[in-house]
C-alpha atoms as a PDB file:
ATOM      1  CA  MET A   1       0.000   0.000   0.000  1.00  0.00           C
ATOM      2  CA  GLU A   2       1.087   3.576  -0.646  1.00  0.00           C
ATOM      3  CA  TYR A   3       2.074   5.958   2.146  1.00  0.00           C
ATOM      4  CA  GLN A   4      -1.069   8.107   1.943  1.00  0.00           C
ATOM      5  CA  GLN A   5      -3.358   5.080   1.833  1.00  0.00           C
ATOM      6  CA  VAL A   6      -1.718   3.665   4.944  1.00  0.00           C
ATOM      7  CA  LYS A   7      -1.968   6.980   6.774  1.00  0.00           C
ATOM      8  CA  GLU A   8      -5.661   7.423   5.974  1.00  0.00           C
ATOM      9  CA  ALA A   9      -6.454   3.864   7.046  1.00  0.00           C
ATOM     10  CA  ILE A  10      -4.501   4.196  10.312  1.00  0.00           C
ATOM     11  CA  LEU A  11      -6.380   7.395  11.183  1.00  0.00           C
ATOM     12  CA  GLU A  12      -9.649   5.526  10.606  1.00  0.00           C
ATOM     13  CA  TYR A  13      -8.579   2.520  12.690  1.00  0.00           C
ATOM     14  CA  ALA A  14      -7.234   4.639  15.537  1.00  0.00           C
ATOM     15  CA  ALA A  15     -10.759   5.223  16.857  1.00  0.00           C
ATOM     16  CA  LEU A  16     -11.650   1.513  16.925  1.00  0.00           C
ATOM     17  CA  GLY A  17     -11.434  -0.831  19.860  1.00  0.00           C
ATOM     18  CA  ALA A  18      -9.511  -4.108  19.982  1.00  0.00           C
ATOM     19  CA  ASP A  19     -12.534  -6.307  19.136  1.00  0.00           C
ATOM     20  CA  GLN A  20     -13.445  -4.182  16.113  1.00  0.00           C
ATOM     21  CA  LEU A  21      -9.861  -4.234  14.817  1.00  0.00           C
ATOM     22  CA  LYS A  22      -9.533  -8.000  15.194  1.00  0.00           C
ATOM     23  CA  ALA A  23     -12.847  -8.599  13.432  1.00  0.00           C
ATOM     24  CA  ASP A  24     -11.690  -6.901  10.214  1.00  0.00           C
ATOM     25  CA  PRO A  25      -9.104  -8.987   8.286  1.00  0.00           C
ATOM     26  CA  LYS A  26      -8.065  -5.943   6.228  1.00  0.00           C
ATOM     27  CA  VAL A  27      -6.575  -4.295   9.328  1.00  0.00           C
ATOM     28  CA  ARG A  28      -3.730  -6.827   9.411  1.00  0.00           C
ATOM     29  CA  GLU A  29      -2.837  -6.004   5.812  1.00  0.00           C
ATOM     30  CA  VAL A  30      -2.778  -2.275   6.516  1.00  0.00           C
ATOM     31  CA  PHE A  31      -0.759  -2.739   9.684  1.00  0.00           C
ATOM     32  CA  ALA A  32       1.806  -4.879   7.835  1.00  0.00           C
ATOM     33  CA  SER A  33       2.239  -2.046   5.309  1.00  0.00           C
ATOM     34  CA  PHE A  34       2.557   0.457   8.149  1.00  0.00           C
ATOM     35  CA  LYS A  35       5.309  -1.565   9.825  1.00  0.00           C
ATOM     36  CA  ALA A  36       7.118  -1.945   6.518  1.00  0.00           C
ATOM     37  CA  LEU A  37       7.217   1.871   6.275  1.00  0.00           C
ATOM     38  CA  LEU A  38       8.576   2.088   9.839  1.00  0.00           C
ATOM     39  CA  ASN A  39      11.196  -0.582   9.170  1.00  0.00           C
ATOM     40  CA  SER A  40      12.381   1.194   6.025  1.00  0.00           C
ATOM     41  CA  GLY A  41      12.634   4.574   7.756  1.00  0.00           C
ATOM     42  CA  GLU A  42      10.105   6.124   5.357  1.00  0.00           C
ATOM     43  CA  VAL A  43       7.856   7.188   8.219  1.00  0.00           C
ATOM     44  CA  ARG A  44       8.888   8.299  11.692  1.00  0.00           C
ATOM     45  CA  ALA A  45       7.201   9.510  14.867  1.00  0.00           C
ATOM     46  CA  ALA A  46       8.791  12.977  14.609  1.00  0.00           C
ATOM     47  CA  GLU A  47      10.763  14.771  11.931  1.00  0.00           C
ATOM     48  CA  PRO A  48      12.619  18.059  11.388  1.00  0.00           C
ATOM     49  CA  ALA A  49      10.452  21.018  10.447  1.00  0.00           C
ATOM     50  CA  GLY A  50      12.272  24.295   9.827  1.00  0.00           C
ATOM     51  CA  ASN A  51      14.351  25.026  12.914  1.00  0.00           C
ATOM     52  CA  GLY A  52      12.336  22.651  15.071  1.00  0.00           C
ATOM     53  CA  TRP A  53      10.576  19.319  15.093  1.00  0.00           C
ATOM     54  CA  THR A  54       7.032  18.191  14.432  1.00  0.00           C
ATOM     55  CA  VAL A  55       5.264  15.159  15.898  1.00  0.00           C
ATOM     56  CA  ASN A  56       3.587  12.790  13.453  1.00  0.00           C
ATOM     57  CA  GLN A  57       0.677  11.801  15.667  1.00  0.00           C
ATOM     58  CA  TRP A  58      -0.691   9.313  13.185  1.00  0.00           C
ATOM     59  CA  VAL A  59       2.506   7.229  13.436  1.00  0.00           C
ATOM     60  CA  LYS A  60       2.095   6.797  17.179  1.00  0.00           C
ATOM     61  CA  GLN A  61      -1.593   6.066  16.610  1.00  0.00           C
ATOM     62  CA  GLY A  62      -0.537   3.330  14.187  1.00  0.00           C
ATOM     63  CA  ILE A  63       1.774   1.794  16.777  1.00  0.00           C
ATOM     64  CA  LEU A  64      -1.086   1.768  19.294  1.00  0.00           C
ATOM     65  CA  VAL A  65      -3.360   0.161  16.688  1.00  0.00           C
ATOM     66  CA  GLY A  66      -0.837  -2.666  16.547  1.00  0.00           C
ATOM     67  CA  MET A  67      -0.973  -3.024  20.330  1.00  0.00           C
ATOM     68  CA  ARG A  68      -4.756  -3.379  20.293  1.00  0.00           C
ATOM     69  CA  LEU A  69      -4.707  -5.628  17.241  1.00  0.00           C
ATOM     70  CA  GLY A  70      -2.131  -8.064  18.552  1.00  0.00           C
ATOM     71  CA  VAL A  71      -2.680 -11.260  20.507  1.00  0.00           C
ATOM     72  CA  LEU A  72      -0.259 -12.830  22.950  1.00  0.00           C
ATOM     73  CA  VAL A  73       2.050 -15.476  21.508  1.00  0.00           C
ATOM     74  CA  GLU A  74       5.069 -17.323  22.795  1.00  0.00           C
ATOM     75  CA  SER A  75       8.413 -17.099  21.051  1.00  0.00           C
ATOM     76  CA  SER A  76      11.266 -19.150  22.373  1.00  0.00           C
ATOM     77  CA  VAL A  77      14.986 -19.600  21.878  1.00  0.00           C
ATOM     78  CA  ASP A  78      16.206 -23.102  22.716  1.00  0.00           C
ATOM     79  CA  ALA A  79      13.175 -23.488  24.963  1.00  0.00           C
ATOM     80  CA  GLY A  80      13.777 -27.213  25.395  1.00  0.00           C
ATOM     81  CA  ALA A  81      17.366 -26.781  26.442  1.00  0.00           C
ATOM     82  CA  VAL A  82      18.665 -26.047  29.898  1.00  0.00           C
ATOM     83  CA  GLY A  83      18.897 -22.282  30.154  1.00  0.00           C
ATOM     84  CA  GLY A  84      16.625 -21.731  27.158  1.00  0.00           C
ATOM     85  CA  PHE A  85      14.592 -18.524  26.821  1.00  0.00           C
ATOM     86  CA  SER A  86      10.830 -18.094  26.557  1.00  0.00           C
ATOM     87  CA  PHE A  87       9.178 -14.783  25.635  1.00  0.00           C
ATOM     88  CA  ILE A  88       5.532 -13.712  25.556  1.00  0.00           C
ATOM     89  CA  ASP A  89       4.452 -10.644  23.563  1.00  0.00           C
ATOM     90  CA  LYS A  90       1.914  -9.336  21.051  1.00  0.00           C
ATOM     91  CA  ASP A  91       2.216 -11.152  17.734  1.00  0.00           C
ATOM     92  CA  THR A  92       2.164  -7.783  15.952  1.00  0.00           C
ATOM     93  CA  TYR A  93       5.554  -6.858  17.455  1.00  0.00           C
ATOM     94  CA  PRO A  94       8.067  -9.692  17.081  1.00  0.00           C
ATOM     95  CA  LEU A  95      11.786  -9.037  17.121  1.00  0.00           C
ATOM     96  CA  ARG A  96      13.048  -7.496  13.918  1.00  0.00           C
ATOM     97  CA  ARG A  97      15.313  -9.587  11.731  1.00  0.00           C
ATOM     98  CA  PHE A  98      18.245  -8.093   9.820  1.00  0.00           C
ATOM     99  CA  GLY A  99      20.261  -9.354   6.881  1.00  0.00           C
ATOM    100  CA  ILE A 100      23.726  -8.596   5.516  1.00  0.00           C
ATOM    101  CA  GLY A 101      22.168  -6.185   3.030  1.00  0.00           C
ATOM    102  CA  ASP A 102      20.949  -3.944   5.862  1.00  0.00           C
ATOM    103  CA  ASN A 103      24.591  -3.148   6.728  1.00  0.00           C
ATOM    104  CA  VAL A 104      23.711  -2.924  10.435  1.00  0.00           C
ATOM    105  CA  ARG A 105      26.055  -4.490  12.990  1.00  0.00           C
ATOM    106  CA  ILE A 106      24.338  -6.177  15.913  1.00  0.00           C
ATOM    107  CA  VAL A 107      27.173  -7.698  17.910  1.00  0.00           C
ATOM    108  CA  PRO A 108      26.293 -11.075  19.507  1.00  0.00           C
ATOM    109  CA  GLY A 109      25.363 -11.047  23.158  1.00  0.00           C
ATOM    110  CA  GLY A 110      21.721 -10.298  23.900  1.00  0.00           C
ATOM    111  CA  SER A 111      20.740  -7.175  21.937  1.00  0.00           C
ATOM    112  CA  SER A 112      17.383  -6.906  20.205  1.00  0.00           C
ATOM    113  CA  VAL A 113      15.366  -4.557  18.023  1.00  0.00           C
ATOM    114  CA  ARG A 114      11.590  -4.639  18.054  1.00  0.00           C
ATOM    115  CA  ASP A 115       9.805  -4.801  14.722  1.00  0.00           C
ATOM    116  CA  GLY A 116       8.788  -1.314  13.619  1.00  0.00           C
ATOM    117  CA  ALA A 117      12.095   0.370  14.437  1.00  0.00           C
ATOM    118  CA  TRP A 118      14.556   1.843  11.913  1.00  0.00           C
ATOM    119  CA  LEU A 119      18.303   1.354  12.122  1.00  0.00           C
ATOM    120  CA  ALA A 120      20.180   3.002   9.260  1.00  0.00           C
ATOM    121  CA  PRO A 121      23.195   1.441   7.533  1.00  0.00           C
ATOM    122  CA  SER A 122      26.425   1.570   9.580  1.00  0.00           C
ATOM    123  CA  VAL A 123      24.625   1.671  12.946  1.00  0.00           C
ATOM    124  CA  VAL A 124      26.412  -0.490  15.542  1.00  0.00           C
ATOM    125  CA  MET A 125      24.730  -2.140  18.546  1.00  0.00           C
ATOM    126  CA  MET A 126      26.920  -3.496  21.317  1.00  0.00           C
ATOM    127  CA  PRO A 127      25.447  -6.123  23.639  1.00  0.00           C
ATOM    128  CA  PRO A 128      23.169  -6.035  25.444  1.00  0.00           C
ATOM    129  CA  SER A 129      21.051  -3.138  24.189  1.00  0.00           C
ATOM    130  CA  TYR A 130      17.501  -2.610  22.969  1.00  0.00           C
ATOM    131  CA  VAL A 131      15.610  -0.443  20.470  1.00  0.00           C
ATOM    132  CA  ASN A 132      11.852  -0.266  20.938  1.00  0.00           C
ATOM    133  CA  VAL A 133       9.113   0.128  18.318  1.00  0.00           C
ATOM    134  CA  GLY A 134       9.092   3.506  16.589  1.00  0.00           C
ATOM    135  CA  GLY A 135      12.738   4.143  17.427  1.00  0.00           C
ATOM    136  CA  TRP A 136      14.673   5.826  14.587  1.00  0.00           C
ATOM    137  CA  VAL A 137      18.487   5.683  14.559  1.00  0.00           C
ATOM    138  CA  ASP A 138      20.466   7.332  11.763  1.00  0.00           C
ATOM    139  CA  GLU A 139      23.737   6.395  10.038  1.00  0.00           C
ATOM    140  CA  GLY A 140      27.004   5.905  11.871  1.00  0.00           C
ATOM    141  CA  THR A 141      25.507   5.931  15.363  1.00  0.00           C
ATOM    142  CA  MET A 142      26.995   3.744  18.086  1.00  0.00           C
ATOM    143  CA  ILE A 143      24.551   2.152  20.540  1.00  0.00           C
ATOM    144  CA  ASP A 144      26.817   0.938  23.318  1.00  0.00           C
ATOM    145  CA  SER A 145      26.211  -1.777  25.927  1.00  0.00           C
ATOM    146  CA  HIS A 146      23.154  -1.575  28.209  1.00  0.00           C
ATOM    147  CA  VAL A 147      21.584   1.226  26.150  1.00  0.00           C
ATOM    148  CA  LEU A 148      17.824   1.639  25.764  1.00  0.00           C
ATOM    149  CA  VAL A 149      16.414   3.565  22.805  1.00  0.00           C
ATOM    150  CA  GLY A 150      12.791   3.956  23.859  1.00  0.00           C
ATOM    151  CA  SER A 151       9.642   3.885  21.764  1.00  0.00           C
ATOM    152  CA  CYS A 152       9.545   6.629  19.108  1.00  0.00           C
ATOM    153  CA  ALA A 153      12.886   8.166  20.220  1.00  0.00           C
ATOM    154  CA  GLN A 154      14.733   9.875  17.344  1.00  0.00           C
ATOM    155  CA  VAL A 155      18.537   9.589  17.230  1.00  0.00           C
ATOM    156  CA  GLY A 156      20.563  11.372  14.552  1.00  0.00           C
ATOM    157  CA  ARG A 157      23.714  10.666  12.546  1.00  0.00           C
ATOM    158  CA  LYS A 158      27.072   9.860  14.150  1.00  0.00           C
ATOM    159  CA  VAL A 159      25.715   9.931  17.687  1.00  0.00           C
ATOM    160  CA  HIS A 160      27.493   7.989  20.430  1.00  0.00           C
ATOM    161  CA  LEU A 161      25.194   6.597  23.121  1.00  0.00           C
ATOM    162  CA  SER A 162      27.693   5.403  25.729  1.00  0.00           C
ATOM    163  CA  ALA A 163      27.214   2.410  28.016  1.00  0.00           C
ATOM    164  CA  GLY A 164      24.150   2.529  30.229  1.00  0.00           C
ATOM    165  CA  VAL A 165      22.392   5.430  28.468  1.00  0.00           C
ATOM    166  CA  GLN A 166      18.604   5.519  28.734  1.00  0.00           C
ATOM    167  CA  VAL A 167      16.738   7.374  25.980  1.00  0.00           C
ATOM    168  CA  GLY A 168      13.141   7.540  27.157  1.00  0.00           C
ATOM    169  CA  GLY A 169      10.204   6.498  25.006  1.00  0.00           C
ATOM    170  CA  VAL A 170       6.718   7.919  24.597  1.00  0.00           C
ATOM    171  CA  LEU A 171       3.474   6.587  23.171  1.00  0.00           C
ATOM    172  CA  GLU A 172       1.038   8.429  25.420  1.00  0.00           C
ATOM    173  CA  PRO A 173      -0.254  11.061  25.102  1.00  0.00           C
ATOM    174  CA  VAL A 174      -0.283  10.665  21.329  1.00  0.00           C
ATOM    175  CA  GLY A 175       0.691  14.293  20.647  1.00  0.00           C
ATOM    176  CA  ALA A 176       3.648  14.318  23.049  1.00  0.00           C
ATOM    177  CA  MET A 177       7.116  15.007  21.667  1.00  0.00           C
ATOM    178  CA  PRO A 178       9.459  12.013  21.818  1.00  0.00           C
ATOM    179  CA  VAL A 179      13.079  12.417  22.882  1.00  0.00           C
ATOM    180  CA  ILE A 180      15.155  13.898  20.055  1.00  0.00           C
ATOM    181  CA  ILE A 181      18.945  13.557  19.872  1.00  0.00           C
ATOM    182  CA  GLU A 182      20.294  15.369  16.829  1.00  0.00           C
ATOM    183  CA  ASP A 183      23.412  14.671  14.740  1.00  0.00           C
ATOM    184  CA  GLU A 184      26.899  14.226  16.210  1.00  0.00           C
ATOM    185  CA  VAL A 185      25.820  14.339  19.844  1.00  0.00           C
ATOM    186  CA  MET A 186      28.013  12.585  22.402  1.00  0.00           C
ATOM    187  CA  VAL A 187      26.092  11.126  25.354  1.00  0.00           C
ATOM    188  CA  GLY A 188      28.265   9.919  28.237  1.00  0.00           C
ATOM    189  CA  GLY A 189      27.800   6.754  30.242  1.00  0.00           C
ATOM    190  CA  ASN A 190      24.780   6.256  32.527  1.00  0.00           C
ATOM    191  CA  CYS A 191      22.937   9.319  31.267  1.00  0.00           C
ATOM    192  CA  GLY A 192      19.155   9.534  31.109  1.00  0.00           C
ATOM    193  CA  ILE A 193      17.273  11.685  28.581  1.00  0.00           C
ATOM    194  CA  TYR A 194      13.515  11.728  29.071  1.00  0.00           C
ATOM    195  CA  GLU A 195      10.157  13.489  28.592  1.00  0.00           C
ATOM    196  CA  GLY A 196      10.564  14.860  25.088  1.00  0.00           C
ATOM    197  CA  THR A 197      13.893  16.585  25.669  1.00  0.00           C
ATOM    198  CA  ILE A 198      15.585  17.812  22.476  1.00  0.00           C
ATOM    199  CA  VAL A 199      19.383  17.689  22.364  1.00  0.00           C
ATOM    200  CA  ARG A 200      20.649  19.835  19.508  1.00  0.00           C
ATOM    201  CA  LYS A 201      23.516  19.012  17.142  1.00  0.00           C
ATOM    202  CA  ARG A 202      27.014  18.388  18.453  1.00  0.00           C
ATOM    203  CA  ALA A 203      26.087  18.791  22.119  1.00  0.00           C
ATOM    204  CA  VAL A 204      28.058  16.798  24.682  1.00  0.00           C
ATOM    205  CA  ILE A 205      26.165  15.288  27.608  1.00  0.00           C
ATOM    206  CA  GLY A 206      28.617  14.390  30.364  1.00  0.00           C
ATOM    207  CA  THR A 207      28.622  11.138  32.312  1.00  0.00           C
ATOM    208  CA  GLY A 208      25.672  10.690  34.640  1.00  0.00           C
ATOM    209  CA  VAL A 209      23.616  13.679  33.454  1.00  0.00           C
ATOM    210  CA  ILE A 210      19.834  13.353  33.725  1.00  0.00           C
ATOM    211  CA  LEU A 211      17.687  15.552  31.466  1.00  0.00           C
ATOM    212  CA  ASN A 212      13.910  15.680  31.870  1.00  0.00           C
ATOM    213  CA  GLY A 213      10.993  18.054  31.991  1.00  0.00           C
ATOM    214  CA  SER A 214      11.203  18.665  35.728  1.00  0.00           C
ATOM    215  CA  THR A 215      14.830  19.719  36.177  1.00  0.00           C
ATOM    216  CA  PRO A 216      16.042  23.118  34.915  1.00  0.00           C
ATOM    217  CA  VAL A 217      19.406  23.373  33.162  1.00  0.00           C
ATOM    218  CA  TYR A 218      21.668  26.271  34.179  1.00  0.00           C
ATOM    219  CA  ASP A 219      23.681  27.787  31.327  1.00  0.00           C
ATOM    220  CA  LEU A 220      26.732  29.244  33.073  1.00  0.00           C
ATOM    221  CA  VAL A 221      28.081  30.652  29.809  1.00  0.00           C
ATOM    222  CA  ASN A 222      25.025  32.750  28.946  1.00  0.00           C
ATOM    223  CA  ASP A 223      23.637  33.256  32.465  1.00  0.00           C
ATOM    224  CA  THR A 224      20.278  31.715  31.557  1.00  0.00           C
ATOM    225  CA  ILE A 225      18.061  28.918  32.856  1.00  0.00           C
ATOM    226  CA  LEU A 226      16.610  26.443  30.374  1.00  0.00           C
ATOM    227  CA  ARG A 227      13.272  24.827  31.250  1.00  0.00           C
ATOM    228  CA  LYS A 228      10.445  22.846  29.746  1.00  0.00           C
ATOM    229  CA  THR A 229       7.308  24.967  29.331  1.00  0.00           C
ATOM    230  CA  ALA A 230       3.692  24.276  28.428  1.00  0.00           C
ATOM    231  CA  GLU A 231       4.520  25.278  24.851  1.00  0.00           C
ATOM    232  CA  SER A 232       7.935  23.700  24.334  1.00  0.00           C
ATOM    233  CA  PRO A 233      10.124  20.871  25.638  1.00  0.00           C
ATOM    234  CA  LEU A 234      13.484  21.245  27.317  1.00  0.00           C
ATOM    235  CA  VAL A 235      16.001  22.069  24.564  1.00  0.00           C
ATOM    236  CA  ILE A 236      19.765  21.682  24.990  1.00  0.00           C
ATOM    237  CA  PRO A 237      21.452  24.186  22.620  1.00  0.00           C
ATOM    238  CA  GLU A 238      23.717  23.174  19.770  1.00  0.00           C
ATOM    239  CA  GLY A 239      27.273  22.476  20.887  1.00  0.00           C
ATOM    240  CA  ALA A 240      26.504  22.784  24.603  1.00  0.00           C
ATOM    241  CA  VAL A 241      28.671  20.799  27.022  1.00  0.00           C
ATOM    242  CA  VAL A 242      26.453  19.640  29.914  1.00  0.00           C
ATOM    243  CA  VAL A 243      27.737  18.156  33.173  1.00  0.00           C
ATOM    244  CA  ALA A 244      26.081  17.022  36.382  1.00  0.00           C
ATOM    245  CA  GLY A 245      26.051  19.683  39.116  1.00  0.00           C
ATOM    246  CA  SER A 246      24.098  20.796  42.156  1.00  0.00           C
ATOM    247  CA  ARG A 247      22.498  23.903  43.639  1.00  0.00           C
ATOM    248  CA  LYS A 248      21.518  24.865  47.170  1.00  0.00           C
ATOM    249  CA  VAL A 249      18.018  24.143  48.400  1.00  0.00           C
ATOM    250  CA  LYS A 250      16.164  27.105  49.896  1.00  0.00           C
ATOM    251  CA  GLY A 251      14.804  27.119  53.437  1.00  0.00           C
ATOM    252  CA  ASP A 252      16.104  27.047  56.993  1.00  0.00           C
ATOM    253  CA  PHE A 253      15.966  23.262  57.252  1.00  0.00           C
ATOM    254  CA  ALA A 254      17.982  22.850  54.036  1.00  0.00           C
ATOM    255  CA  ALA A 255      20.500  25.452  55.180  1.00  0.00           C
ATOM    256  CA  GLU A 256      20.838  23.784  58.582  1.00  0.00           C
ATOM    257  CA  HIS A 257      21.669  20.457  56.990  1.00  0.00           C
ATOM    258  CA  GLY A 258      23.709  21.786  54.067  1.00  0.00           C
ATOM    259  CA  LEU A 259      21.336  20.274  51.490  1.00  0.00           C
ATOM    260  CA  SER A 260      21.614  20.685  47.731  1.00  0.00           C
ATOM    261  CA  ILE A 261      19.741  19.255  44.774  1.00  0.00           C
ATOM    262  CA  TYR A 262      20.980  17.805  41.493  1.00  0.00           C
ATOM    263  CA  THR A 263      20.928  20.051  38.448  1.00  0.00           C
ATOM    264  CA  PRO A 264      22.578  19.885  35.000  1.00  0.00           C
ATOM    265  CA  LEU A 265      25.006  22.685  34.134  1.00  0.00           C
ATOM    266  CA  ILE A 266      26.182  23.975  30.748  1.00  0.00           C
ATOM    267  CA  VAL A 267      29.806  24.755  31.502  1.00  0.00           C
ATOM    268  CA  LYS A 268      31.019  25.580  27.974  1.00  0.00           C
ATOM    269  CA  TYR A 269      30.265  25.227  24.274  1.00  0.00           C
ATOM    270  CA  ARG A 270      32.194  22.959  21.940  1.00  0.00           C
ATOM    271  CA  ASP A 271      35.659  23.999  20.829  1.00  0.00           C
ATOM    272  CA  GLU A 272      38.660  22.274  19.257  1.00  0.00           C
ATOM    273  CA  ARG A 273      39.612  20.661  22.540  1.00  0.00           C
ATOM    274  CA  THR A 274      36.118  19.213  22.936  1.00  0.00           C
ATOM    275  CA  ASP A 275      36.160  17.962  19.354  1.00  0.00           C
ATOM    276  CA  SER A 276      39.428  16.090  19.862  1.00  0.00           C
ATOM    277  CA  ALA A 277      38.179  14.540  23.103  1.00  0.00           C
ATOM    278  CA  THR A 278      34.947  13.290  21.514  1.00  0.00           C
ATOM    279  CA  ALA A 279      36.178  12.332  18.036  1.00  0.00           C
ATOM    280  CA  LEU A 280      34.528   9.198  16.653  1.00  0.00           C
ATOM    281  CA  GLU A 281      36.595   6.340  15.296  1.00  0.00           C
ATOM    282  CA  SER A 282      35.466   5.544  11.759  1.00  0.00           C
ATOM    283  CA  ALA A 283      37.077   2.101  11.893  1.00  0.00           C
ATOM    284  CA  LEU A 284      34.424   1.024  14.401  1.00  0.00           C
ATOM    285  CA  ARG A 285      31.589   1.731  11.955  1.00  0.00           C
END
């Protein structure tokens, strides 16, 4: 089916309940075409629009259609053997299979990609790591060990997601912005990026930094405070270098006990020294 046909059908099915979807055999055909578009990267949950990003609500609606449409099935790996694995999930979202022609490296050791996610050529996944449905990962990106790329998260070109990074997912509410990590961003180990945060090109997120909609980011270079608002998500500026910091908590009790609270700090913007320290190794891709 063509893109526009799939979109129109998904918008129609989005209002139907699970029983109605399962009763119509055509829904499975449409959903298969929808997943094929996700797997090819032709459709995505959010995409660049001018200087910002726009959410494609119908894509997330399509993913939720698949959740309602699916039935539980068992899929096993060496289930009869000692130490075999047994998995139970919706039949509409099996693990995605890759071939040599995809030019994606998934290093042995427990990684998996859910069907309906896009990994571009030259992406590398180190074990164990996971990419959920609707995830979109562009060329040359390194997904290191113990990394989660959540549902609908958008990750750009030549990004390095270091070991233990959590990139939050979002399916509800349908119109919510997913996490966006733009091109050439370096994310240090054990970072968490959540709640529709946008990290602009070439930013560096230092080890252990947590970015979400509740915690303000203090830009020490420009003497400003960056926050999520009702109209826009938290946005980390292009080339910003963010590290984990703290600030004093107000109040007599806090002062008495010397209390402070975690907060991310922008301590500089990228320069030649930063570039040399974060240079990617092409031989690994």
